[in-house]
């Protein structure tokens, strides 16, 4: 049993101790929580203590040790599932005005060349669908048919299933203009469903970024992505795991490809000497690390 008697406000999360309590459960789920950043784990741990109305960390430790449901709730709370359409306005503005048009112009001169994008932690699909909307809107200005394929992956099967369904509440569409809502969604009562024209260009699949046997999603066959998005993902992990994700992402980028991260993760890539293509955009040129 975890021996913790310190007050909640001073108790620090010890991933090794909690790992011991979750060993049996994690062997089934194939999850190693030691990869997560300690500060993120501590926040999650304290939140679950409050949610279970425990008065001490020792009381919660007992529940965590004995209750499989709480183990699952704790582990699920570690999965980054928050997302929204066009989450970082500056990033998508640079994509819309500079990056994607340049890729389209380049591919316009090549026969059967498609733009290939990998959303490496797609959650419920908003990121992938946002890219599809932008590309469809930009492509409409070309006489020649231009192709694109978005590979959207996540380690959570339930999230991949929900992303494939493409059904959202009205609140989930708050960051979209009314024009985009009308153009890209079908309304049914209080539910808004992504139109098939966007789904046709997106492959949703399960993929574990820490799988050492696969360098890229099997559905993509050979990788060679023009863009890989790792936004709002890296800061959940310890430095060595962040590096592993970046090595995998950059290893399957096409020549002159781009990697995209969240606003709070820019310094991570800057520290690895990546070059940001536009200040504060979170869009970086490809380089091997």
Protein backbone atom coordinates (compact mmCIF):
# COMPACT_ATOMS: atom_id res chain seq x y z
CA UNK A 1 0.00 0.00 0.00
CA UNK A 2 1.14 3.56 -0.65
CA UNK A 3 2.31 5.15 2.59
CA UNK A 4 1.36 8.80 2.34
CA UNK A 5 0.18 10.82 5.31
CA UNK A 6 1.18 14.31 4.22
CA UNK A 7 -1.46 17.01 3.76
CA UNK A 8 -2.97 17.17 0.27
CA UNK A 9 -1.48 20.57 -0.50
CA UNK A 10 2.07 19.36 0.21
CA UNK A 11 1.91 15.79 -1.08
CA UNK A 12 3.96 15.35 -4.26
CA UNK A 13 3.16 12.75 -6.85
CA UNK A 14 5.54 9.77 -6.95
CA UNK A 15 5.07 7.96 -10.26
CA UNK A 16 7.11 4.93 -9.13
CA UNK A 17 4.88 4.37 -6.09
CA UNK A 18 1.66 4.78 -8.04
CA UNK A 19 3.07 2.57 -10.79
CA UNK A 20 3.41 -0.20 -8.20
CA UNK A 21 -0.24 0.14 -7.26
CA UNK A 22 -1.34 0.04 -10.90
CA UNK A 23 0.98 -2.75 -12.07
CA UNK A 24 -1.69 -5.41 -12.49
CA UNK A 25 -4.16 -3.07 -14.12
CA UNK A 26 -1.56 -1.51 -16.42
CA UNK A 27 -0.34 -4.89 -17.61
CA UNK A 28 -3.80 -5.36 -19.09
CA UNK A 29 -4.04 -1.83 -20.49
CA UNK A 30 -0.38 -1.75 -21.59
CA UNK A 31 0.15 1.74 -20.13
CA UNK A 32 3.30 3.06 -18.48
CA UNK A 33 2.57 6.25 -16.54
CA UNK A 34 6.26 6.85 -15.85
CA UNK A 35 6.51 8.47 -19.29
CA UNK A 36 4.31 11.39 -18.22
CA UNK A 37 5.69 14.68 -16.95
CA UNK A 38 5.71 14.74 -13.11
CA UNK A 39 3.92 18.08 -12.81
CA UNK A 40 1.13 16.85 -15.11
CA UNK A 41 0.86 13.61 -13.11
CA UNK A 42 0.67 15.55 -9.86
CA UNK A 43 -2.14 17.76 -11.15
CA UNK A 44 -4.06 14.71 -12.35
CA UNK A 45 -3.46 12.89 -9.06
CA UNK A 46 -4.71 15.80 -6.96
CA UNK A 47 -7.75 16.23 -9.19
CA UNK A 48 -8.76 12.58 -8.74
CA UNK A 49 -8.34 12.94 -4.97
CA UNK A 50 -10.78 15.82 -5.02
CA UNK A 51 -13.20 14.04 -7.38
CA UNK A 52 -13.34 11.00 -5.06
CA UNK A 53 -13.88 13.26 -2.02
CA UNK A 54 -10.87 11.76 -0.28
CA UNK A 55 -9.60 13.67 2.73
CA UNK A 56 -6.04 12.37 2.57
CA UNK A 57 -3.72 11.04 -0.08
CA UNK A 58 -3.51 7.81 1.91
CA UNK A 59 -7.27 7.35 1.56
CA UNK A 60 -7.08 7.83 -2.20
CA UNK A 61 -4.07 5.50 -2.42
CA UNK A 62 -6.17 2.73 -0.88
CA UNK A 63 -8.95 3.31 -3.42
CA UNK A 64 -6.45 3.35 -6.26
CA UNK A 65 -4.98 0.08 -5.04
CA UNK A 66 -8.26 -1.76 -4.60
CA UNK A 67 -10.68 -0.30 -7.10
CA UNK A 68 -10.17 -1.16 -10.78
CA UNK A 69 -12.76 1.38 -11.86
CA UNK A 70 -10.83 4.18 -10.16
CA UNK A 71 -7.63 2.89 -11.76
CA UNK A 72 -9.30 3.20 -15.16
CA UNK A 73 -10.65 6.66 -14.37
CA UNK A 74 -7.20 7.77 -13.24
CA UNK A 75 -5.51 6.45 -16.36
CA UNK A 76 -8.22 7.89 -18.64
CA UNK A 77 -7.68 11.29 -17.05
CA UNK A 78 -4.07 11.13 -18.27
CA UNK A 79 -5.19 10.92 -21.88
CA UNK A 80 -5.13 14.29 -23.59
CA UNK A 81 -8.58 14.56 -25.13
CA UNK A 82 -9.24 18.28 -25.17
CA UNK A 83 -9.35 19.78 -28.62
CA UNK A 84 -11.26 22.29 -30.66
CA UNK A 85 -11.61 23.42 -34.25
CA UNK A 86 -8.88 25.86 -35.38
CA UNK A 87 -7.47 25.79 -31.86
CA UNK A 88 -4.56 28.18 -32.38
CA UNK A 89 -5.78 31.05 -34.62
CA UNK A 90 -2.28 32.29 -35.48
CA UNK A 91 -1.11 28.82 -36.50
CA UNK A 92 -4.09 28.31 -38.79
CA UNK A 93 -3.77 31.81 -40.21
CA UNK A 94 -0.17 31.11 -41.26
CA UNK A 95 -1.24 27.74 -42.65
CA UNK A 96 -4.09 29.30 -44.63
CA UNK A 97 -2.12 32.25 -46.00
CA UNK A 98 1.40 30.87 -46.43
CA UNK A 99 2.11 27.17 -45.81
CA UNK A 100 -0.79 25.38 -47.50
CA UNK A 101 -0.92 27.66 -50.57
CA UNK A 102 2.82 27.06 -51.10
CA UNK A 103 2.30 23.31 -50.89
CA UNK A 104 -0.62 23.49 -53.30
CA UNK A 105 1.37 25.57 -55.80
CA UNK A 106 4.26 23.13 -55.56
CA UNK A 107 2.03 20.10 -56.03
CA UNK A 108 0.14 21.79 -58.86
CA UNK A 109 3.24 21.26 -61.02
CA UNK A 110 3.57 17.57 -60.16
CA UNK A 111 1.48 14.79 -61.60
CA UNK A 112 -0.56 12.79 -59.06
CA UNK A 113 1.24 14.39 -56.11
CA UNK A 114 -0.91 14.64 -53.00
CA UNK A 115 -0.42 16.70 -49.88
CA UNK A 116 0.10 14.31 -46.97
CA UNK A 117 -0.60 15.34 -43.39
CA UNK A 118 -0.35 13.39 -40.13
CA UNK A 119 -2.34 14.47 -37.07
CA UNK A 120 -0.41 12.46 -34.47
CA UNK A 121 -2.84 12.82 -31.55
CA UNK A 122 -6.17 13.54 -33.17
CA UNK A 123 -8.39 13.15 -30.06
CA UNK A 124 -11.98 13.64 -31.27
CA UNK A 125 -11.01 14.75 -34.78
CA UNK A 126 -11.34 18.54 -34.67
CA UNK A 127 -7.73 19.11 -35.72
CA UNK A 128 -7.93 16.81 -38.75
CA UNK A 129 -11.26 18.23 -39.87
CA UNK A 130 -9.93 21.79 -39.50
CA UNK A 131 -7.11 20.97 -41.93
CA UNK A 132 -9.58 19.35 -44.34
CA UNK A 133 -11.78 22.47 -44.29
CA UNK A 134 -8.81 24.72 -45.07
CA UNK A 135 -7.60 22.53 -47.90
CA UNK A 136 -11.04 22.18 -49.46
CA UNK A 137 -11.50 25.95 -49.35
CA UNK A 138 -8.09 26.58 -50.89
CA UNK A 139 -8.39 23.88 -53.55
CA UNK A 140 -11.66 25.37 -54.79
CA UNK A 141 -9.59 28.19 -56.32
CA UNK A 142 -7.66 25.83 -58.62
CA UNK A 143 -8.87 24.57 -61.97
CA UNK A 144 -6.70 21.47 -61.76
CA UNK A 145 -7.80 18.81 -59.29
CA UNK A 146 -5.44 18.69 -56.33
CA UNK A 147 -5.30 15.79 -53.92
CA UNK A 148 -4.64 15.55 -50.21
CA UNK A 149 -4.75 12.84 -47.55
CA UNK A 150 -4.87 13.35 -43.79
CA UNK A 151 -3.82 10.49 -41.51
CA UNK A 152 -5.30 11.06 -38.06
CA UNK A 153 -4.19 8.75 -35.26
CA UNK A 154 -4.65 8.37 -31.53
CA UNK A 155 -3.76 5.71 -28.97
CA UNK A 156 -7.36 5.69 -27.68
CA UNK A 157 -9.76 3.48 -29.62
CA UNK A 158 -12.82 5.28 -28.21
CA UNK A 159 -11.51 8.66 -29.41
CA UNK A 160 -10.75 7.31 -32.89
CA UNK A 161 -14.29 5.93 -33.14
CA UNK A 162 -15.79 9.27 -32.07
CA UNK A 163 -13.55 11.13 -34.50
CA UNK A 164 -14.68 8.89 -37.35
CA UNK A 165 -18.31 9.61 -36.49
CA UNK A 166 -17.64 13.34 -36.72
CA UNK A 167 -20.62 14.35 -34.58
CA UNK A 168 -20.40 17.44 -32.38
CA UNK A 169 -22.53 19.60 -30.12
CA UNK A 170 -23.24 23.24 -30.98
CA UNK A 171 -20.88 24.30 -28.18
CA UNK A 172 -18.03 22.40 -29.85
CA UNK A 173 -18.45 24.61 -32.93
CA UNK A 174 -18.03 27.93 -31.11
CA UNK A 175 -14.63 28.62 -32.69
CA UNK A 176 -16.04 28.22 -36.22
CA UNK A 177 -17.59 30.92 -38.37
CA UNK A 178 -21.25 30.51 -39.26
CA UNK A 179 -20.20 30.15 -42.89
CA UNK A 180 -18.06 27.10 -42.07
CA UNK A 181 -20.74 25.59 -39.89
CA UNK A 182 -23.24 25.80 -42.76
CA UNK A 183 -20.74 24.64 -45.37
CA UNK A 184 -19.18 21.67 -43.61
CA UNK A 185 -21.81 20.31 -41.21
CA UNK A 186 -25.24 18.76 -41.40
CA UNK A 187 -27.52 19.72 -38.52
CA UNK A 188 -29.83 17.18 -36.94
CA UNK A 189 -31.59 18.43 -33.80
CA UNK A 190 -28.74 19.52 -31.51
CA UNK A 191 -26.05 17.49 -33.29
CA UNK A 192 -23.77 18.69 -36.08
CA UNK A 193 -22.20 16.05 -38.33
CA UNK A 194 -19.19 16.54 -40.61
CA UNK A 195 -20.16 16.22 -44.27
CA UNK A 196 -18.83 13.21 -46.24
CA UNK A 197 -16.71 15.38 -48.54
CA UNK A 198 -14.32 16.01 -45.64
CA UNK A 199 -14.35 12.46 -44.33
CA UNK A 200 -13.34 11.11 -47.74
CA UNK A 201 -9.87 12.57 -47.33
CA UNK A 202 -9.15 11.46 -43.75
CA UNK A 203 -7.95 8.07 -42.51
CA UNK A 204 -8.55 7.62 -38.77
CA UNK A 205 -6.64 4.81 -37.07
CA UNK A 206 -5.11 3.61 -33.81
CA UNK A 207 -1.42 4.32 -33.39
CA UNK A 208 0.94 4.30 -30.42
CA UNK A 209 3.64 6.93 -30.81
CA UNK A 210 5.90 4.89 -28.52
CA UNK A 211 5.67 1.72 -30.60
CA UNK A 212 9.30 1.03 -31.47
CA UNK A 213 8.44 -1.28 -34.36
CA UNK A 214 6.53 1.28 -36.44
CA UNK A 215 7.95 4.55 -37.75
CA UNK A 216 4.64 5.91 -39.01
CA UNK A 217 0.93 4.94 -39.16
CA UNK A 218 0.55 1.71 -41.20
CA UNK A 219 -2.35 3.27 -43.12
CA UNK A 220 0.07 5.83 -44.57
CA UNK A 221 2.27 2.99 -45.89
CA UNK A 222 5.45 5.05 -46.33
CA UNK A 223 5.00 8.27 -44.38
CA UNK A 224 6.58 11.07 -46.43
CA UNK A 225 4.35 13.69 -44.81
CA UNK A 226 4.36 17.33 -45.80
CA UNK A 227 3.10 18.24 -42.33
CA UNK A 228 3.11 16.41 -38.99
CA UNK A 229 1.07 17.93 -36.16
CA UNK A 230 2.15 17.17 -32.58
CA UNK A 231 0.28 20.11 -31.08
CA UNK A 232 -0.56 20.11 -27.37
CA UNK A 233 1.00 16.71 -26.91
CA UNK A 234 4.68 17.09 -26.03
CA UNK A 235 4.30 18.89 -22.71
CA UNK A 236 2.48 15.91 -21.20
CA UNK A 237 5.65 13.80 -21.35
CA UNK A 238 9.13 13.72 -19.86
CA UNK A 239 12.01 15.04 -22.01
CA UNK A 240 13.23 11.67 -23.29
CA UNK A 241 9.71 10.76 -24.44
CA UNK A 242 9.25 14.17 -26.07
CA UNK A 243 12.45 13.53 -27.98
CA UNK A 244 11.21 10.08 -29.06
CA UNK A 245 8.01 11.64 -30.45
CA UNK A 246 9.96 14.31 -32.32
CA UNK A 247 12.38 11.75 -33.75
CA UNK A 248 9.45 9.70 -35.04
CA UNK A 249 7.69 12.76 -36.44
CA UNK A 250 10.72 14.22 -38.20
CA UNK A 251 11.85 10.82 -39.42
CA UNK A 252 8.76 10.44 -41.61
CA UNK A 253 8.56 14.03 -42.87
CA UNK A 254 9.08 14.74 -46.54
CA UNK A 255 11.93 16.97 -47.63
CA UNK A 256 11.05 20.59 -46.75
CA UNK A 257 8.19 19.36 -44.58
CA UNK A 258 6.83 21.06 -41.47
CA UNK A 259 6.19 20.03 -37.88
CA UNK A 260 3.54 21.86 -35.86
CA UNK A 261 3.30 22.13 -32.06
CA UNK A 262 1.17 24.04 -29.58
CA UNK A 263 1.85 27.52 -28.28
CA UNK A 264 3.21 26.20 -24.97
CA UNK A 265 5.56 23.76 -26.74
CA UNK A 266 7.47 26.13 -29.00
CA UNK A 267 10.45 26.34 -26.63
CA UNK A 268 10.85 22.56 -26.78
CA UNK A 269 11.58 22.68 -30.52
CA UNK A 270 13.59 25.87 -30.25
CA UNK A 271 15.83 24.11 -27.72
CA UNK A 272 16.38 21.38 -30.32
CA UNK A 273 17.41 24.07 -32.82
CA UNK A 274 14.36 23.80 -35.03
CA UNK A 275 13.60 26.96 -37.00
CA UNK A 276 10.17 28.53 -36.59
CA UNK A 277 8.89 29.67 -39.99
CA UNK A 278 6.86 32.56 -38.55
CA UNK A 279 7.24 34.03 -35.03
CA UNK A 280 4.86 32.54 -32.44
CA UNK A 281 3.18 30.30 -35.04
CA UNK A 282 4.34 26.92 -33.67
CA UNK A 283 5.21 25.87 -37.25
CA UNK A 284 8.79 24.65 -37.72
CA UNK A 285 10.96 23.52 -40.60
CA UNK A 286 11.96 19.89 -40.66
CA UNK A 287 15.31 18.83 -39.23
CA UNK A 288 16.69 15.56 -37.87
CA UNK A 289 17.36 15.44 -34.12
